[in-house]
Amino acid sequence: MAAELDFVLTWTFISETSIPKDVNNMLVDGERAVAAYKTIRDVAIFTNKRLIVRDAQGITGKKTEIYTLPYSSINMYSSENAGIIDFNSELELWTRAGHIKINLKKGVDIRKLDNLIASCIL
């Protein structure tokens, strides 16, 4: 019997931001950037086909890792709005690649993301 890993990839979205111009180099035919969110060190971009997260690494941040999550790999998702005591909202994605948790700081519209993901996968 193989042991299962309970791995959760976690990102934090701080605020909505303008879509970076250089993201167009990464898009395929028919793909368009819809929204972008500032992360702790870089940016996450939602397109009509996938989520792209750029993660600056190292002291200078010149090394960058790119994560791409096609919406077609999402099996299930949940969204939780902020409460009175808990100021952050959460978006969780269960995918073929594993479990992804996105923490949204106060002011990030969880329902906008909820609607975006629903319109792309349903």
PDB file of N, CA and C in Angstrom:
ATOM      1  N   MET A   1       0.845  -1.168   0.000  1.00  0.00           N
ATOM      2  CA  MET A   1       0.000   0.000   0.000  1.00  0.00           C
ATOM      3  C   MET A   1       0.896   1.239   0.000  1.00  0.00           C
ATOM      4  N   ALA A   2       0.652   2.155  -0.919  1.00  0.00           N
ATOM      5  CA  ALA A   2       1.445   3.371  -1.048  1.00  0.00           C
ATOM      6  C   ALA A   2       0.930   4.438  -0.090  1.00  0.00           C
ATOM      7  N   ALA A   3       1.838   5.186   0.468  1.00  0.00           N
ATOM      8  CA  ALA A   3       1.459   6.279   1.362  1.00  0.00           C
ATOM      9  C   ALA A   3       1.026   7.479   0.519  1.00  0.00           C
ATOM     10  N   GLU A   4      -0.061   8.140   0.930  1.00  0.00           N
ATOM     11  CA  GLU A   4      -0.530   9.317   0.214  1.00  0.00           C
ATOM     12  C   GLU A   4       0.086  10.559   0.834  1.00  0.00           C
ATOM     13  N   LEU A   5       0.459  11.493  -0.010  1.00  0.00           N
ATOM     14  CA  LEU A   5       0.965  12.769   0.464  1.00  0.00           C
ATOM     15  C   LEU A   5      -0.192  13.746   0.539  1.00  0.00           C
ATOM     16  N   ASP A   6      -0.310  14.448   1.622  1.00  0.00           N
ATOM     17  CA  ASP A   6      -1.360  15.443   1.773  1.00  0.00           C
ATOM     18  C   ASP A   6      -0.733  16.806   1.521  1.00  0.00           C
ATOM     19  N   PHE A   7      -0.395  17.069   0.281  1.00  0.00           N
ATOM     20  CA  PHE A   7       0.310  18.281  -0.103  1.00  0.00           C
ATOM     21  C   PHE A   7      -0.695  19.363  -0.486  1.00  0.00           C
ATOM     22  N   VAL A   8      -0.536  20.543   0.069  1.00  0.00           N
ATOM     23  CA  VAL A   8      -1.385  21.673  -0.269  1.00  0.00           C
ATOM     24  C   VAL A   8      -0.478  22.819  -0.704  1.00  0.00           C
ATOM     25  N   LEU A   9      -0.695  23.307  -1.917  1.00  0.00           N
ATOM     26  CA  LEU A   9       0.020  24.467  -2.419  1.00  0.00           C
ATOM     27  C   LEU A   9      -0.792  25.690  -2.016  1.00  0.00           C
ATOM     28  N   THR A  10      -0.147  26.675  -1.403  1.00  0.00           N
ATOM     29  CA  THR A  10      -0.863  27.843  -0.891  1.00  0.00           C
ATOM     30  C   THR A  10      -0.281  29.128  -1.468  1.00  0.00           C
ATOM     31  N   TRP A  11      -1.178  30.011  -1.901  1.00  0.00           N
ATOM     32  CA  TRP A  11      -0.794  31.350  -2.343  1.00  0.00           C
ATOM     33  C   TRP A  11      -1.640  32.367  -1.603  1.00  0.00           C
ATOM     34  N   THR A  12      -1.139  33.590  -1.518  1.00  0.00           N
ATOM     35  CA  THR A  12      -1.885  34.690  -0.919  1.00  0.00           C
ATOM     36  C   THR A  12      -2.017  35.801  -1.948  1.00  0.00           C
ATOM     37  N   PHE A  13      -3.255  36.215  -2.217  1.00  0.00           N
ATOM     38  CA  PHE A  13      -3.523  37.333  -3.119  1.00  0.00           C
ATOM     39  C   PHE A  13      -3.819  38.550  -2.239  1.00  0.00           C
ATOM     40  N   ILE A  14      -3.031  39.603  -2.426  1.00  0.00           N
ATOM     41  CA  ILE A  14      -3.115  40.777  -1.565  1.00  0.00           C
ATOM     42  C   ILE A  14      -4.139  41.789  -2.064  1.00  0.00           C
ATOM     43  N   SER A  15      -4.118  42.063  -3.374  1.00  0.00           N
ATOM     44  CA  SER A  15      -5.045  43.033  -3.945  1.00  0.00           C
ATOM     45  C   SER A  15      -5.125  42.842  -5.453  1.00  0.00           C
ATOM     46  N   GLU A  16      -6.219  43.303  -6.029  1.00  0.00           N
ATOM     47  CA  GLU A  16      -6.333  43.260  -7.485  1.00  0.00           C
ATOM     48  C   GLU A  16      -5.395  44.322  -8.060  1.00  0.00           C
ATOM     49  N   THR A  17      -4.817  44.027  -9.202  1.00  0.00           N
ATOM     50  CA  THR A  17      -3.864  44.937  -9.827  1.00  0.00           C
ATOM     51  C   THR A  17      -4.085  44.929 -11.333  1.00  0.00           C
ATOM     52  N   SER A  18      -3.389  45.798 -12.037  1.00  0.00           N
ATOM     53  CA  SER A  18      -3.513  45.807 -13.495  1.00  0.00           C
ATOM     54  C   SER A  18      -2.807  44.583 -14.082  1.00  0.00           C
ATOM     55  N   ILE A  19      -3.288  44.151 -15.224  1.00  0.00           N
ATOM     56  CA  ILE A  19      -2.716  42.977 -15.887  1.00  0.00           C
ATOM     57  C   ILE A  19      -1.366  43.367 -16.484  1.00  0.00           C
ATOM     58  N   PRO A  20      -0.292  42.657 -16.125  1.00  0.00           N
ATOM     59  CA  PRO A  20       1.034  42.996 -16.664  1.00  0.00           C
ATOM     60  C   PRO A  20       1.067  42.819 -18.184  1.00  0.00           C
ATOM     61  N   LYS A  21       1.690  43.754 -18.869  1.00  0.00           N
ATOM     62  CA  LYS A  21       1.758  43.708 -20.329  1.00  0.00           C
ATOM     63  C   LYS A  21       2.557  42.500 -20.826  1.00  0.00           C
ATOM     64  N   ASP A  22       3.569  42.092 -20.080  1.00  0.00           N
ATOM     65  CA  ASP A  22       4.417  41.001 -20.545  1.00  0.00           C
ATOM     66  C   ASP A  22       3.743  39.630 -20.487  1.00  0.00           C
ATOM     67  N   VAL A  23       2.544  39.538 -19.901  1.00  0.00           N
ATOM     68  CA  VAL A  23       1.847  38.259 -19.844  1.00  0.00           C
ATOM     69  C   VAL A  23       1.382  37.832 -21.238  1.00  0.00           C
ATOM     70  N   ASN A  24       1.204  38.772 -22.136  1.00  0.00           N
ATOM     71  CA  ASN A  24       0.746  38.440 -23.484  1.00  0.00           C
ATOM     72  C   ASN A  24       1.689  37.476 -24.199  1.00  0.00           C
ATOM     73  N   ASN A  25       2.980  37.488 -23.838  1.00  0.00           N
ATOM     74  CA  ASN A  25       3.954  36.564 -24.434  1.00  0.00           C
ATOM     75  C   ASN A  25       3.650  35.115 -24.064  1.00  0.00           C
ATOM     76  N   MET A  26       2.913  34.903 -22.983  1.00  0.00           N
ATOM     77  CA  MET A  26       2.648  33.563 -22.474  1.00  0.00           C
ATOM     78  C   MET A  26       1.316  32.990 -22.960  1.00  0.00           C
ATOM     79  N   LEU A  27       0.471  33.817 -23.544  1.00  0.00           N
ATOM     80  CA  LEU A  27      -0.877  33.386 -23.895  1.00  0.00           C
ATOM     81  C   LEU A  27      -0.913  32.645 -25.227  1.00  0.00           C
ATOM     82  N   VAL A  28      -1.813  31.676 -25.333  1.00  0.00           N
ATOM     83  CA  VAL A  28      -1.998  30.908 -26.565  1.00  0.00           C
ATOM     84  C   VAL A  28      -3.136  31.532 -27.371  1.00  0.00           C
ATOM     85  N   ASP A  29      -3.311  31.061 -28.596  1.00  0.00           N
ATOM     86  CA  ASP A  29      -4.386  31.569 -29.448  1.00  0.00           C
ATOM     87  C   ASP A  29      -5.732  31.424 -28.753  1.00  0.00           C
ATOM     88  N   GLY A  30      -6.509  32.483 -28.749  1.00  0.00           N
ATOM     89  CA  GLY A  30      -7.830  32.469 -28.134  1.00  0.00           C
ATOM     90  C   GLY A  30      -7.830  32.715 -26.638  1.00  0.00           C
ATOM     91  N   GLU A  31      -6.655  32.842 -26.048  1.00  0.00           N
ATOM     92  CA  GLU A  31      -6.569  33.088 -24.611  1.00  0.00           C
ATOM     93  C   GLU A  31      -6.433  34.578 -24.350  1.00  0.00           C
ATOM     94  N   ARG A  32      -7.125  35.052 -23.314  1.00  0.00           N
ATOM     95  CA  ARG A  32      -7.017  36.470 -22.941  1.00  0.00           C
ATOM     96  C   ARG A  32      -6.960  36.600 -21.428  1.00  0.00           C
ATOM     97  N   ALA A  33      -6.166  37.532 -20.970  1.00  0.00           N
ATOM     98  CA  ALA A  33      -6.058  37.807 -19.537  1.00  0.00           C
ATOM     99  C   ALA A  33      -7.322  38.527 -19.087  1.00  0.00           C
ATOM    100  N   VAL A  34      -7.863  38.103 -17.943  1.00  0.00           N
ATOM    101  CA  VAL A  34      -9.121  38.650 -17.442  1.00  0.00           C
ATOM    102  C   VAL A  34      -8.914  39.485 -16.182  1.00  0.00           C
ATOM    103  N   ALA A  35      -8.068  39.007 -15.271  1.00  0.00           N
ATOM    104  CA  ALA A  35      -7.840  39.706 -14.002  1.00  0.00           C
ATOM    105  C   ALA A  35      -6.457  39.343 -13.473  1.00  0.00           C
ATOM    106  N   ALA A  36      -5.904  40.243 -12.653  1.00  0.00           N
ATOM    107  CA  ALA A  36      -4.590  40.000 -12.048  1.00  0.00           C
ATOM    108  C   ALA A  36      -4.628  40.410 -10.584  1.00  0.00           C
ATOM    109  N   TYR A  37      -3.831  39.676  -9.787  1.00  0.00           N
ATOM    110  CA  TYR A  37      -3.778  39.927  -8.350  1.00  0.00           C
ATOM    111  C   TYR A  37      -2.336  39.950  -7.889  1.00  0.00           C
ATOM    112  N   LYS A  38      -2.035  40.925  -7.067  1.00  0.00           N
ATOM    113  CA  LYS A  38      -0.706  41.040  -6.476  1.00  0.00           C
ATOM    114  C   LYS A  38      -0.548  39.934  -5.442  1.00  0.00           C
ATOM    115  N   THR A  39       0.569  39.216  -5.527  1.00  0.00           N
ATOM    116  CA  THR A  39       0.891  38.202  -4.524  1.00  0.00           C
ATOM    117  C   THR A  39       1.956  38.806  -3.612  1.00  0.00           C
ATOM    118  N   ILE A  40       2.513  38.009  -2.741  1.00  0.00           N
ATOM    119  CA  ILE A  40       3.499  38.547  -1.804  1.00  0.00           C
ATOM    120  C   ILE A  40       4.700  39.130  -2.544  1.00  0.00           C
ATOM    121  N   ARG A  41       5.197  38.422  -3.594  1.00  0.00           N
ATOM    122  CA  ARG A  41       6.369  38.917  -4.318  1.00  0.00           C
ATOM    123  C   ARG A  41       6.144  39.167  -5.790  1.00  0.00           C
ATOM    124  N   ASP A  42       4.998  38.777  -6.337  1.00  0.00           N
ATOM    125  CA  ASP A  42       4.812  38.928  -7.773  1.00  0.00           C
ATOM    126  C   ASP A  42       3.339  39.079  -8.121  1.00  0.00           C
ATOM    127  N   VAL A  43       2.853  38.276  -9.082  1.00  0.00           N
ATOM    128  CA  VAL A  43       1.488  38.477  -9.571  1.00  0.00           C
ATOM    129  C   VAL A  43       0.872  37.141 -10.004  1.00  0.00           C
ATOM    130  N   ALA A  44      -0.461  37.062  -9.868  1.00  0.00           N
ATOM    131  CA  ALA A  44      -1.238  35.928 -10.366  1.00  0.00           C
ATOM    132  C   ALA A  44      -2.192  36.477 -11.418  1.00  0.00           C
ATOM    133  N   ILE A  45      -2.272  35.791 -12.559  1.00  0.00           N
ATOM    134  CA  ILE A  45      -3.117  36.247 -13.652  1.00  0.00           C
ATOM    135  C   ILE A  45      -4.151  35.177 -13.969  1.00  0.00           C
ATOM    136  N   PHE A  46      -5.409  35.562 -13.975  1.00  0.00           N
ATOM    137  CA  PHE A  46      -6.481  34.681 -14.401  1.00  0.00           C
ATOM    138  C   PHE A  46      -6.769  34.990 -15.858  1.00  0.00           C
ATOM    139  N   THR A  47      -6.754  33.962 -16.697  1.00  0.00           N
ATOM    140  CA  THR A  47      -7.134  34.118 -18.092  1.00  0.00           C
ATOM    141  C   THR A  47      -8.469  33.407 -18.288  1.00  0.00           C
ATOM    142  N   ASN A  48      -8.948  33.380 -19.497  1.00  0.00           N
ATOM    143  CA  ASN A  48     -10.174  32.638 -19.773  1.00  0.00           C
ATOM    144  C   ASN A  48      -9.927  31.134 -19.869  1.00  0.00           C
ATOM    145  N   LYS A  49      -8.642  30.685 -19.748  1.00  0.00           N
ATOM    146  CA  LYS A  49      -8.306  29.270 -19.860  1.00  0.00           C
ATOM    147  C   LYS A  49      -7.550  28.701 -18.655  1.00  0.00           C
ATOM    148  N   ARG A  50      -6.875  29.556 -17.884  1.00  0.00           N
ATOM    149  CA  ARG A  50      -6.018  29.046 -16.808  1.00  0.00           C
ATOM    150  C   ARG A  50      -5.663  30.134 -15.803  1.00  0.00           C
ATOM    151  N   LEU A  51      -5.051  29.680 -14.721  1.00  0.00           N
ATOM    152  CA  LEU A  51      -4.464  30.561 -13.715  1.00  0.00           C
ATOM    153  C   LEU A  51      -2.952  30.483 -13.878  1.00  0.00           C
ATOM    154  N   ILE A  52      -2.314  31.633 -13.979  1.00  0.00           N
ATOM    155  CA  ILE A  52      -0.855  31.718 -14.094  1.00  0.00           C
ATOM    156  C   ILE A  52      -0.351  32.458 -12.867  1.00  0.00           C
ATOM    157  N   VAL A  53       0.568  31.844 -12.128  1.00  0.00           N
ATOM    158  CA  VAL A  53       1.155  32.507 -10.960  1.00  0.00           C
ATOM    159  C   VAL A  53       2.650  32.622 -11.186  1.00  0.00           C
ATOM    160  N   ARG A  54       3.135  33.858 -11.182  1.00  0.00           N
ATOM    161  CA  ARG A  54       4.577  34.105 -11.265  1.00  0.00           C
ATOM    162  C   ARG A  54       5.088  34.288  -9.854  1.00  0.00           C
ATOM    163  N   ASP A  55       6.120  33.536  -9.518  1.00  0.00           N
ATOM    164  CA  ASP A  55       6.663  33.555  -8.167  1.00  0.00           C
ATOM    165  C   ASP A  55       8.141  33.938  -8.233  1.00  0.00           C
ATOM    166  N   ALA A  56       8.450  35.170  -7.852  1.00  0.00           N
ATOM    167  CA  ALA A  56       9.842  35.623  -7.816  1.00  0.00           C
ATOM    168  C   ALA A  56      10.551  34.899  -6.679  1.00  0.00           C
ATOM    169  N   GLN A  57      11.786  34.491  -6.926  1.00  0.00           N
ATOM    170  CA  GLN A  57      12.540  33.726  -5.936  1.00  0.00           C
ATOM    171  C   GLN A  57      13.907  34.346  -5.705  1.00  0.00           C
ATOM    172  N   GLY A  58      14.524  33.932  -4.638  1.00  0.00           N
ATOM    173  CA  GLY A  58      15.862  34.425  -4.308  1.00  0.00           C
ATOM    174  C   GLY A  58      15.824  35.816  -3.714  1.00  0.00           C
ATOM    175  N   ILE A  59      16.988  36.285  -3.326  1.00  0.00           N
ATOM    176  CA  ILE A  59      17.103  37.595  -2.676  1.00  0.00           C
ATOM    177  C   ILE A  59      16.730  38.723  -3.632  1.00  0.00           C
ATOM    178  N   THR A  60      17.189  38.633  -4.870  1.00  0.00           N
ATOM    179  CA  THR A  60      16.929  39.702  -5.830  1.00  0.00           C
ATOM    180  C   THR A  60      15.593  39.559  -6.532  1.00  0.00           C
ATOM    181  N   GLY A  61      15.016  38.367  -6.534  1.00  0.00           N
ATOM    182  CA  GLY A  61      13.745  38.146  -7.212  1.00  0.00           C
ATOM    183  C   GLY A  61      13.871  38.013  -8.719  1.00  0.00           C
ATOM    184  N   LYS A  62      15.111  37.927  -9.219  1.00  0.00           N
ATOM    185  CA  LYS A  62      15.303  37.815 -10.670  1.00  0.00           C
ATOM    186  C   LYS A  62      14.978  36.418 -11.184  1.00  0.00           C
ATOM    187  N   LYS A  63      15.117  35.426 -10.323  1.00  0.00           N
ATOM    188  CA  LYS A  63      14.739  34.068 -10.698  1.00  0.00           C
ATOM    189  C   LYS A  63      13.226  33.952 -10.500  1.00  0.00           C
ATOM    190  N   THR A  64      12.525  33.448 -11.506  1.00  0.00           N
ATOM    191  CA  THR A  64      11.075  33.387 -11.446  1.00  0.00           C
ATOM    192  C   THR A  64      10.590  31.989 -11.786  1.00  0.00           C
ATOM    193  N   GLU A  65       9.681  31.477 -10.972  1.00  0.00           N
ATOM    194  CA  GLU A  65       9.029  30.210 -11.267  1.00  0.00           C
ATOM    195  C   GLU A  65       7.599  30.526 -11.703  1.00  0.00           C
ATOM    196  N   ILE A  66       7.152  29.874 -12.778  1.00  0.00           N
ATOM    197  CA  ILE A  66       5.812  30.088 -13.308  1.00  0.00           C
ATOM    198  C   ILE A  66       4.974  28.835 -13.050  1.00  0.00           C
ATOM    199  N   TYR A  67       3.830  29.025 -12.411  1.00  0.00           N
ATOM    200  CA  TYR A  67       2.872  27.942 -12.217  1.00  0.00           C
ATOM    201  C   TYR A  67       1.708  28.181 -13.171  1.00  0.00           C
ATOM    202  N   THR A  68       1.249  27.140 -13.837  1.00  0.00           N
ATOM    203  CA  THR A  68       0.105  27.231 -14.722  1.00  0.00           C
ATOM    204  C   THR A  68      -0.902  26.171 -14.322  1.00  0.00           C
ATOM    205  N   LEU A  69      -2.127  26.593 -14.066  1.00  0.00           N
ATOM    206  CA  LEU A  69      -3.190  25.671 -13.715  1.00  0.00           C
ATOM    207  C   LEU A  69      -4.326  25.825 -14.719  1.00  0.00           C
ATOM    208  N   PRO A  70      -4.429  24.889 -15.680  1.00  0.00           N
ATOM    209  CA  PRO A  70      -5.564  24.939 -16.614  1.00  0.00           C
ATOM    210  C   PRO A  70      -6.863  24.668 -15.847  1.00  0.00           C
ATOM    211  N   TYR A  71      -7.894  25.433 -16.145  1.00  0.00           N
ATOM    212  CA  TYR A  71      -9.165  25.226 -15.460  1.00  0.00           C
ATOM    213  C   TYR A  71      -9.712  23.825 -15.704  1.00  0.00           C
ATOM    214  N   SER A  72      -9.337  23.216 -16.815  1.00  0.00           N
ATOM    215  CA  SER A  72      -9.820  21.864 -17.129  1.00  0.00           C
ATOM    216  C   SER A  72      -9.344  20.828 -16.114  1.00  0.00           C
ATOM    217  N   SER A  73      -8.319  21.154 -15.308  1.00  0.00           N
ATOM    218  CA  SER A  73      -7.823  20.203 -14.316  1.00  0.00           C
ATOM    219  C   SER A  73      -8.518  20.355 -12.961  1.00  0.00           C
ATOM    220  N   ILE A  74      -9.420  21.324 -12.832  1.00  0.00           N
ATOM    221  CA  ILE A  74     -10.127  21.532 -11.562  1.00  0.00           C
ATOM    222  C   ILE A  74     -11.287  20.543 -11.466  1.00  0.00           C
ATOM    223  N   ASN A  75     -11.263  19.728 -10.425  1.00  0.00           N
ATOM    224  CA  ASN A  75     -12.339  18.761 -10.176  1.00  0.00           C
ATOM    225  C   ASN A  75     -13.450  19.360  -9.327  1.00  0.00           C
ATOM    226  N   MET A  76     -13.062  20.211  -8.389  1.00  0.00           N
ATOM    227  CA  MET A  76     -14.009  20.818  -7.457  1.00  0.00           C
ATOM    228  C   MET A  76     -13.366  22.067  -6.876  1.00  0.00           C
ATOM    229  N   TYR A  77     -14.168  23.030  -6.475  1.00  0.00           N
ATOM    230  CA  TYR A  77     -13.617  24.190  -5.779  1.00  0.00           C
ATOM    231  C   TYR A  77     -14.611  24.689  -4.745  1.00  0.00           C
ATOM    232  N   SER A  78     -14.094  25.434  -3.778  1.00  0.00           N
ATOM    233  CA  SER A  78     -14.954  26.053  -2.780  1.00  0.00           C
ATOM    234  C   SER A  78     -14.471  27.472  -2.540  1.00  0.00           C
ATOM    235  N   SER A  79     -15.392  28.336  -2.147  1.00  0.00           N
ATOM    236  CA  SER A  79     -15.036  29.707  -1.797  1.00  0.00           C
ATOM    237  C   SER A  79     -15.675  30.042  -0.466  1.00  0.00           C
ATOM    238  N   GLU A  80     -14.940  30.801   0.326  1.00  0.00           N
ATOM    239  CA  GLU A  80     -15.419  31.188   1.650  1.00  0.00           C
ATOM    240  C   GLU A  80     -15.175  32.674   1.818  1.00  0.00           C
ATOM    241  N   ASN A  81     -16.246  33.432   2.029  1.00  0.00           N
ATOM    242  CA  ASN A  81     -16.082  34.869   2.214  1.00  0.00           C
ATOM    243  C   ASN A  81     -15.589  35.169   3.626  1.00  0.00           C
ATOM    244  N   ALA A  82     -15.080  36.375   3.813  1.00  0.00           N
ATOM    245  CA  ALA A  82     -14.564  36.800   5.119  1.00  0.00           C
ATOM    246  C   ALA A  82     -15.722  36.961   6.099  1.00  0.00           C
ATOM    247  N   GLY A  83     -15.418  36.755   7.361  1.00  0.00           N
ATOM    248  CA  GLY A  83     -16.420  36.931   8.403  1.00  0.00           C
ATOM    249  C   GLY A  83     -16.097  38.145   9.257  1.00  0.00           C
ATOM    250  N   ILE A  84     -16.708  38.207  10.402  1.00  0.00           N
ATOM    251  CA  ILE A  84     -16.495  39.346  11.303  1.00  0.00           C
ATOM    252  C   ILE A  84     -15.120  39.273  11.954  1.00  0.00           C
ATOM    253  N   ILE A  85     -14.740  38.089  12.423  1.00  0.00           N
ATOM    254  CA  ILE A  85     -13.444  37.936  13.082  1.00  0.00           C
ATOM    255  C   ILE A  85     -12.350  37.574  12.074  1.00  0.00           C
ATOM    256  N   ASP A  86     -12.677  36.715  11.113  1.00  0.00           N
ATOM    257  CA  ASP A  86     -11.720  36.285  10.083  1.00  0.00           C
ATOM    258  C   ASP A  86     -11.834  37.244   8.908  1.00  0.00           C
ATOM    259  N   PHE A  87     -10.811  38.083   8.697  1.00  0.00           N
ATOM    260  CA  PHE A  87     -10.868  39.123   7.680  1.00  0.00           C
ATOM    261  C   PHE A  87     -10.523  38.626   6.279  1.00  0.00           C
ATOM    262  N   ASN A  88      -9.961  37.436   6.173  1.00  0.00           N
ATOM    263  CA  ASN A  88      -9.536  36.912   4.879  1.00  0.00           C
ATOM    264  C   ASN A  88     -10.580  35.967   4.295  1.00  0.00           C
ATOM    265  N   SER A  89     -10.688  35.982   2.966  1.00  0.00           N
ATOM    266  CA  SER A  89     -11.509  35.017   2.255  1.00  0.00           C
ATOM    267  C   SER A  89     -10.589  33.913   1.767  1.00  0.00           C
ATOM    268  N   GLU A  90     -11.184  32.784   1.378  1.00  0.00           N
ATOM    269  CA  GLU A  90     -10.381  31.668   0.885  1.00  0.00           C
ATOM    270  C   GLU A  90     -11.022  31.059  -0.350  1.00  0.00           C
ATOM    271  N   LEU A  91     -10.174  30.629  -1.256  1.00  0.00           N
ATOM    272  CA  LEU A  91     -10.591  29.889  -2.436  1.00  0.00           C
ATOM    273  C   LEU A  91      -9.786  28.602  -2.422  1.00  0.00           C
ATOM    274  N   GLU A  92     -10.454  27.450  -2.480  1.00  0.00           N
ATOM    275  CA  GLU A  92      -9.745  26.182  -2.505  1.00  0.00           C
ATOM    276  C   GLU A  92     -10.087  25.448  -3.791  1.00  0.00           C
ATOM    277  N   LEU A  93      -9.058  24.877  -4.409  1.00  0.00           N
ATOM    278  CA  LEU A  93      -9.205  24.154  -5.664  1.00  0.00           C
ATOM    279  C   LEU A  93      -8.698  22.735  -5.477  1.00  0.00           C
ATOM    280  N   TRP A  94      -9.508  21.766  -5.831  1.00  0.00           N
ATOM    281  CA  TRP A  94      -9.070  20.379  -5.847  1.00  0.00           C
ATOM    282  C   TRP A  94      -8.862  20.026  -7.316  1.00  0.00           C
ATOM    283  N   THR A  95      -7.632  19.706  -7.648  1.00  0.00           N
ATOM    284  CA  THR A  95      -7.271  19.484  -9.043  1.00  0.00           C
ATOM    285  C   THR A  95      -6.630  18.119  -9.227  1.00  0.00           C
ATOM    286  N   ARG A  96      -6.407  17.770 -10.483  1.00  0.00           N
ATOM    287  CA  ARG A  96      -5.688  16.526 -10.776  1.00  0.00           C
ATOM    288  C   ARG A  96      -4.261  16.591 -10.244  1.00  0.00           C
ATOM    289  N   ALA A  97      -3.731  17.797 -10.087  1.00  0.00           N
ATOM    290  CA  ALA A  97      -2.361  17.972  -9.596  1.00  0.00           C
ATOM    291  C   ALA A  97      -2.289  17.987  -8.072  1.00  0.00           C
ATOM    292  N   GLY A  98      -3.395  18.191  -7.404  1.00  0.00           N
ATOM    293  CA  GLY A  98      -3.407  18.266  -5.946  1.00  0.00           C
ATOM    294  C   GLY A  98      -4.339  19.353  -5.450  1.00  0.00           C
ATOM    295  N   HIS A  99      -4.175  19.697  -4.207  1.00  0.00           N
ATOM    296  CA  HIS A  99      -5.028  20.660  -3.517  1.00  0.00           C
ATOM    297  C   HIS A  99      -4.324  22.019  -3.493  1.00  0.00           C
ATOM    298  N   ILE A 100      -5.042  23.056  -3.890  1.00  0.00           N
ATOM    299  CA  ILE A 100      -4.490  24.414  -3.911  1.00  0.00           C
ATOM    300  C   ILE A 100      -5.383  25.305  -3.067  1.00  0.00           C
ATOM    301  N   LYS A 101      -4.755  26.067  -2.175  1.00  0.00           N
ATOM    302  CA  LYS A 101      -5.485  26.994  -1.311  1.00  0.00           C
ATOM    303  C   LYS A 101      -5.015  28.405  -1.616  1.00  0.00           C
ATOM    304  N   ILE A 102      -5.966  29.301  -1.855  1.00  0.00           N
ATOM    305  CA  ILE A 102      -5.643  30.697  -2.129  1.00  0.00           C
ATOM    306  C   ILE A 102      -6.279  31.550  -1.040  1.00  0.00           C
ATOM    307  N   ASN A 103      -5.438  32.239  -0.274  1.00  0.00           N
ATOM    308  CA  ASN A 103      -5.903  33.165   0.753  1.00  0.00           C
ATOM    309  C   ASN A 103      -6.061  34.530   0.104  1.00  0.00           C
ATOM    310  N   LEU A 104      -7.182  35.178   0.361  1.00  0.00           N
ATOM    311  CA  LEU A 104      -7.461  36.493  -0.211  1.00  0.00           C
ATOM    312  C   LEU A 104      -7.522  37.521   0.909  1.00  0.00           C
ATOM    313  N   LYS A 105      -6.671  38.509   0.829  1.00  0.00           N
ATOM    314  CA  LYS A 105      -6.660  39.555   1.858  1.00  0.00           C
ATOM    315  C   LYS A 105      -7.925  40.395   1.763  1.00  0.00           C
ATOM    316  N   LYS A 106      -8.200  41.124   2.819  1.00  0.00           N
ATOM    317  CA  LYS A 106      -9.383  41.978   2.897  1.00  0.00           C
ATOM    318  C   LYS A 106      -9.428  42.904   1.678  1.00  0.00           C
ATOM    319  N   GLY A 107     -10.575  42.990   1.058  1.00  0.00           N
ATOM    320  CA  GLY A 107     -10.745  43.866  -0.098  1.00  0.00           C
ATOM    321  C   GLY A 107     -10.723  43.140  -1.434  1.00  0.00           C
ATOM    322  N   VAL A 108     -10.204  41.905  -1.470  1.00  0.00           N
ATOM    323  CA  VAL A 108     -10.222  41.131  -2.710  1.00  0.00           C
ATOM    324  C   VAL A 108     -11.607  40.500  -2.831  1.00  0.00           C
ATOM    325  N   ASP A 109     -12.265  40.707  -3.949  1.00  0.00           N
ATOM    326  CA  ASP A 109     -13.642  40.260  -4.161  1.00  0.00           C
ATOM    327  C   ASP A 109     -13.691  38.762  -4.464  1.00  0.00           C
ATOM    328  N   ILE A 110     -14.034  37.963  -3.465  1.00  0.00           N
ATOM    329  CA  ILE A 110     -14.101  36.510  -3.616  1.00  0.00           C
ATOM    330  C   ILE A 110     -15.171  36.113  -4.630  1.00  0.00           C
ATOM    331  N   ARG A 111     -16.271  36.821  -4.674  1.00  0.00           N
ATOM    332  CA  ARG A 111     -17.358  36.466  -5.592  1.00  0.00           C
ATOM    333  C   ARG A 111     -16.975  36.720  -7.048  1.00  0.00           C
ATOM    334  N   LYS A 112     -16.120  37.685  -7.303  1.00  0.00           N
ATOM    335  CA  LYS A 112     -15.624  37.909  -8.670  1.00  0.00           C
ATOM    336  C   LYS A 112     -14.813  36.689  -9.127  1.00  0.00           C
ATOM    337  N   LEU A 113     -13.943  36.188  -8.244  1.00  0.00           N
ATOM    338  CA  LEU A 113     -13.145  34.999  -8.579  1.00  0.00           C
ATOM    339  C   LEU A 113     -14.035  33.760  -8.694  1.00  0.00           C
ATOM    340  N   ASP A 114     -14.989  33.644  -7.817  1.00  0.00           N
ATOM    341  CA  ASP A 114     -15.944  32.544  -7.840  1.00  0.00           C
ATOM    342  C   ASP A 114     -16.661  32.501  -9.198  1.00  0.00           C
ATOM    343  N   ASN A 115     -17.140  33.654  -9.631  1.00  0.00           N
ATOM    344  CA  ASN A 115     -17.840  33.764 -10.909  1.00  0.00           C
ATOM    345  C   ASN A 115     -16.916  33.468 -12.088  1.00  0.00           C
ATOM    346  N   LEU A 116     -15.687  33.965 -12.026  1.00  0.00           N
ATOM    347  CA  LEU A 116     -14.711  33.743 -13.099  1.00  0.00           C
ATOM    348  C   LEU A 116     -14.419  32.247 -13.269  1.00  0.00           C
ATOM    349  N   ILE A 117     -14.141  31.564 -12.183  1.00  0.00           N
ATOM    350  CA  ILE A 117     -13.832  30.143 -12.257  1.00  0.00           C
ATOM    351  C   ILE A 117     -15.065  29.359 -12.731  1.00  0.00           C
ATOM    352  N   ALA A 118     -16.219  29.679 -12.188  1.00  0.00           N
ATOM    353  CA  ALA A 118     -17.446  28.979 -12.599  1.00  0.00           C
ATOM    354  C   ALA A 118     -17.699  29.159 -14.093  1.00  0.00           C
ATOM    355  N   SER A 119     -17.532  30.368 -14.598  1.00  0.00           N
ATOM    356  CA  SER A 119     -17.803  30.616 -16.025  1.00  0.00           C
ATOM    357  C   SER A 119     -16.788  29.896 -16.926  1.00  0.00           C
ATOM    358  N   CYS A 120     -15.624  29.599 -16.412  1.00  0.00           N
ATOM    359  CA  CYS A 120     -14.599  28.932 -17.223  1.00  0.00           C
ATOM    360  C   CYS A 120     -14.675  27.407 -17.153  1.00  0.00           C
ATOM    361  N   ILE A 121     -15.203  26.858 -16.058  1.00  0.00           N
ATOM    362  CA  ILE A 121     -15.194  25.391 -15.955  1.00  0.00           C
ATOM    363  C   ILE A 121     -16.565  24.751 -16.132  1.00  0.00           C
ATOM    364  N   LEU A 122     -17.625  25.540 -16.035  1.00  0.00           N
ATOM    365  CA  LEU A 122     -18.965  24.940 -16.156  1.00  0.00           C
ATOM    366  C   LEU A 122     -19.516  25.084 -17.567  1.00  0.00           C
TER     367      LEU A 122
END
